[in-house]
Structures are given as C-alpha cells and as structure tokens.
Amino acid sequence: MTIKQLSIFAENRPGRISAITGYLAESGINIRAISVADTKDFGIMRVIVDNTEKALKALKANNCSVTQTNVIAVTADDTPGGMAKIMDTLYKENISVEYMYSAFINPAKNVACLILRVDSNDSAVEALTEAGFGILSEKEMLEF
C-alpha cells in the first residue's frame, strides 16, 4: 500500500516556496506532509496533500515542474528507537532507503509517521507489515 507524493522543482530564490504553497492554498489543498531539500541553485519540495489530482492541476496551471511518486507512510511508536526499528527491519531485508522525512506525530496515540521512498515499495510494505508496523493508506493519512 503506497500513497502519492508530489515532487516540485523550485528555484532557490526568495518567495518561491511562498508562491508554490500559495497555489495550493488558493486551490483549497491541505498539505499533510512536506520536505524541502535544496542546493545553492534549486530545491525539491516533496509534499503529500489531501487531493493529489487537484494539486497537480493547480501546480501545472502555474507552470510548476511537478512529478508524482509512490511512497510509503509507516507508523511506529513515538519512543526512542522507534525509527531505528523501522530502519533495522528494512536493512535486514536488504531494502535501500532513498530518502525519508517525518510526516507528523499523533500524541494522543503516541504514534509517529515516517514517509519513505525505498527501492522496492512492495518488499518494504511486506517486511514492515510482517514486523508489526502500520502502513497508512491515503485515506488514513488524512485522518491521522
């Protein structure tokens, strides 16, 4: 089970992230998770939103360079070592993590959510599920 993530190319200049998030806001899109990685000249914004298709339209209408990728949203106990257990599970199955970022924490449930881009989504979902970790669907991400 995977969820859709949008990756948006953004020039590294003042106001660019403001503009991109503004396009989403104007379209009534709620950002559920975000990561920005940059270099001197450009950055990649990775976002998970509540309406991927609507977000794609809004971004493309504003001449943004955007791609869609399937990623995994895995939950773990929000305790020391929670993420280490996820990483150890993937390592033991020889699954490579390309990148990851934290989505959010649900203090009421003492659960944290981690977004993973791995070399094999199917293998990772199977390994993590067998190890007892929760894998969120897109609908569950909206309700987390």
Protein backbone atom coordinates (compact mmCIF):
# COMPACT_ATOMS: atom_id res chain seq x y z
CA MET A 1 0.00 0.00 0.00
CA THR A 2 1.50 3.29 -1.08
CA ILE A 3 0.48 6.92 -1.09
CA LYS A 4 1.04 9.62 -3.70
CA GLN A 5 3.69 12.25 -3.18
CA LEU A 6 4.30 15.30 -5.36
CA SER A 7 7.84 16.49 -6.03
CA ILE A 8 8.07 20.09 -7.15
CA PHE A 9 11.19 21.63 -8.64
CA ALA A 10 11.77 25.05 -7.07
CA GLU A 11 14.41 27.59 -7.90
CA ASN A 12 16.28 28.66 -4.79
CA ARG A 13 15.15 32.29 -4.69
CA PRO A 14 13.15 34.41 -2.27
CA GLY A 15 9.41 33.87 -2.45
CA ARG A 16 9.41 30.64 -4.45
CA ILE A 17 8.17 28.39 -1.64
CA SER A 18 5.65 31.06 -0.70
CA ALA A 19 4.33 31.07 -4.27
CA ILE A 20 4.09 27.28 -4.51
CA THR A 21 2.32 26.88 -1.18
CA GLY A 22 0.09 29.79 -2.18
CA TYR A 23 -1.01 28.00 -5.37
CA LEU A 24 -2.02 25.03 -3.24
CA ALA A 25 -3.80 27.21 -0.68
CA GLU A 26 -5.75 29.07 -3.37
CA SER A 27 -6.97 25.72 -4.67
CA GLY A 28 -8.11 24.58 -1.22
CA ILE A 29 -5.36 21.96 -0.94
CA ASN A 30 -4.24 20.90 2.53
CA ILE A 31 -0.59 19.87 2.88
CA ARG A 32 -0.33 16.79 5.10
CA ALA A 33 3.46 16.34 4.95
CA ILE A 34 6.30 18.39 3.47
CA SER A 35 10.03 18.18 2.96
CA VAL A 36 12.31 20.65 1.22
CA ALA A 37 15.81 19.66 0.14
CA ASP A 38 17.95 22.27 -1.54
CA THR A 39 21.21 23.10 -3.17
CA LYS A 40 22.60 26.54 -3.89
CA ASP A 41 20.51 26.94 -7.05
CA PHE A 42 17.38 24.82 -6.66
CA GLY A 43 15.33 22.71 -4.31
CA ILE A 44 12.88 19.87 -4.41
CA MET A 45 9.70 20.26 -2.39
CA ARG A 46 8.11 16.94 -1.58
CA VAL A 47 4.51 17.16 -0.43
CA ILE A 48 1.67 14.85 0.42
CA VAL A 49 -1.67 16.58 0.06
CA ASP A 50 -5.32 15.83 0.61
CA ASN A 51 -6.18 15.96 -3.12
CA THR A 52 -3.31 14.96 -5.40
CA GLU A 53 -5.11 15.43 -8.73
CA LYS A 54 -6.36 18.90 -7.82
CA ALA A 55 -2.88 19.86 -6.59
CA LEU A 56 -1.28 18.63 -9.82
CA LYS A 57 -3.69 20.78 -11.85
CA ALA A 58 -3.05 23.85 -9.72
CA LEU A 59 0.72 23.49 -9.87
CA LYS A 60 0.83 22.79 -13.61
CA ALA A 61 -1.54 25.72 -14.27
CA ASN A 62 1.09 27.90 -12.57
CA ASN A 63 3.95 26.46 -14.66
CA CYS A 64 5.47 24.40 -11.86
CA SER A 65 7.57 21.40 -12.77
CA VAL A 66 5.97 18.59 -10.75
CA THR A 67 6.13 14.79 -10.71
CA GLN A 68 4.19 12.16 -8.79
CA THR A 69 5.86 9.33 -6.88
CA ASN A 70 4.52 6.49 -4.76
CA VAL A 71 5.92 6.42 -1.23
CA ILE A 72 5.18 4.55 1.99
CA ALA A 73 3.73 6.09 5.14
CA VAL A 74 4.77 3.86 8.03
CA THR A 75 3.80 4.35 11.65
CA ALA A 76 5.77 3.44 14.72
CA ASP A 77 5.65 4.08 18.44
CA ASP A 78 6.82 7.60 19.22
CA THR A 79 9.53 6.41 21.58
CA PRO A 80 13.32 6.31 21.48
CA GLY A 81 14.32 3.65 18.95
CA GLY A 82 11.01 3.67 17.02
CA MET A 83 12.66 4.81 13.79
CA ALA A 84 15.68 2.58 14.39
CA LYS A 85 13.39 -0.46 14.42
CA ILE A 86 11.94 0.54 11.05
CA MET A 87 15.42 1.03 9.59
CA ASP A 88 16.63 -2.28 11.03
CA THR A 89 13.66 -4.12 9.50
CA LEU A 90 14.45 -2.69 6.07
CA TYR A 91 18.19 -3.33 6.45
CA LYS A 92 17.61 -7.00 7.32
CA GLU A 93 15.58 -7.37 4.10
CA ASN A 94 18.25 -5.55 2.05
CA ILE A 95 15.85 -2.73 1.18
CA SER A 96 17.53 0.58 0.41
CA VAL A 97 16.05 3.85 1.64
CA GLU A 98 16.45 6.57 -0.98
CA TYR A 99 15.09 9.30 1.30
CA MET A 100 12.70 9.79 4.20
CA TYR A 101 11.07 12.51 6.22
CA SER A 102 8.80 12.78 9.20
CA ALA A 103 5.17 13.49 8.44
CA PHE A 104 3.64 14.07 11.86
CA ILE A 105 3.17 12.79 15.36
CA ASN A 106 -0.13 11.83 16.96
CA PRO A 107 0.49 12.44 20.67
CA ALA A 108 -2.90 11.03 21.66
CA LYS A 109 -1.90 7.66 20.23
CA ASN A 110 1.87 8.03 20.91
CA VAL A 111 2.50 7.27 17.25
CA ALA A 112 4.79 8.90 14.70
CA CYS A 113 4.55 8.69 10.91
CA LEU A 114 7.56 8.43 8.63
CA ILE A 115 7.43 8.86 4.84
CA LEU A 116 9.79 6.52 2.99
CA ARG A 117 10.98 6.33 -0.59
CA VAL A 118 12.62 2.92 -0.99
CA ASP A 119 13.98 0.85 -3.85
CA SER A 120 11.11 -1.66 -3.60
CA ASN A 121 7.77 -0.49 -2.22
CA ASP A 122 6.21 -3.96 -2.32
CA SER A 123 9.10 -5.60 -0.44
CA ALA A 124 9.19 -2.80 2.12
CA VAL A 125 5.44 -2.92 2.77
CA GLU A 126 5.62 -6.69 3.22
CA ALA A 127 8.63 -6.55 5.55
CA LEU A 128 7.25 -3.70 7.65
CA THR A 129 3.80 -5.25 7.92
CA GLU A 130 5.27 -8.60 8.98
CA ALA A 131 7.34 -6.77 11.62
CA GLY A 132 4.17 -5.25 13.04
CA PHE A 133 4.41 -1.69 11.75
CA GLY A 134 1.37 0.15 10.48
CA ILE A 135 1.23 1.21 6.84
CA LEU A 136 -1.14 4.11 6.17
CA SER A 137 -3.38 4.38 3.14
CA GLU A 138 -4.05 7.78 1.58
CA LYS A 139 -7.39 7.94 3.40
CA GLU A 140 -5.74 7.06 6.73
CA MET A 141 -3.14 9.81 6.17
CA LEU A 142 -5.95 12.34 6.02
CA GLU A 143 -7.39 11.08 9.30
CA PHE A 144 -4.13 10.60 11.24
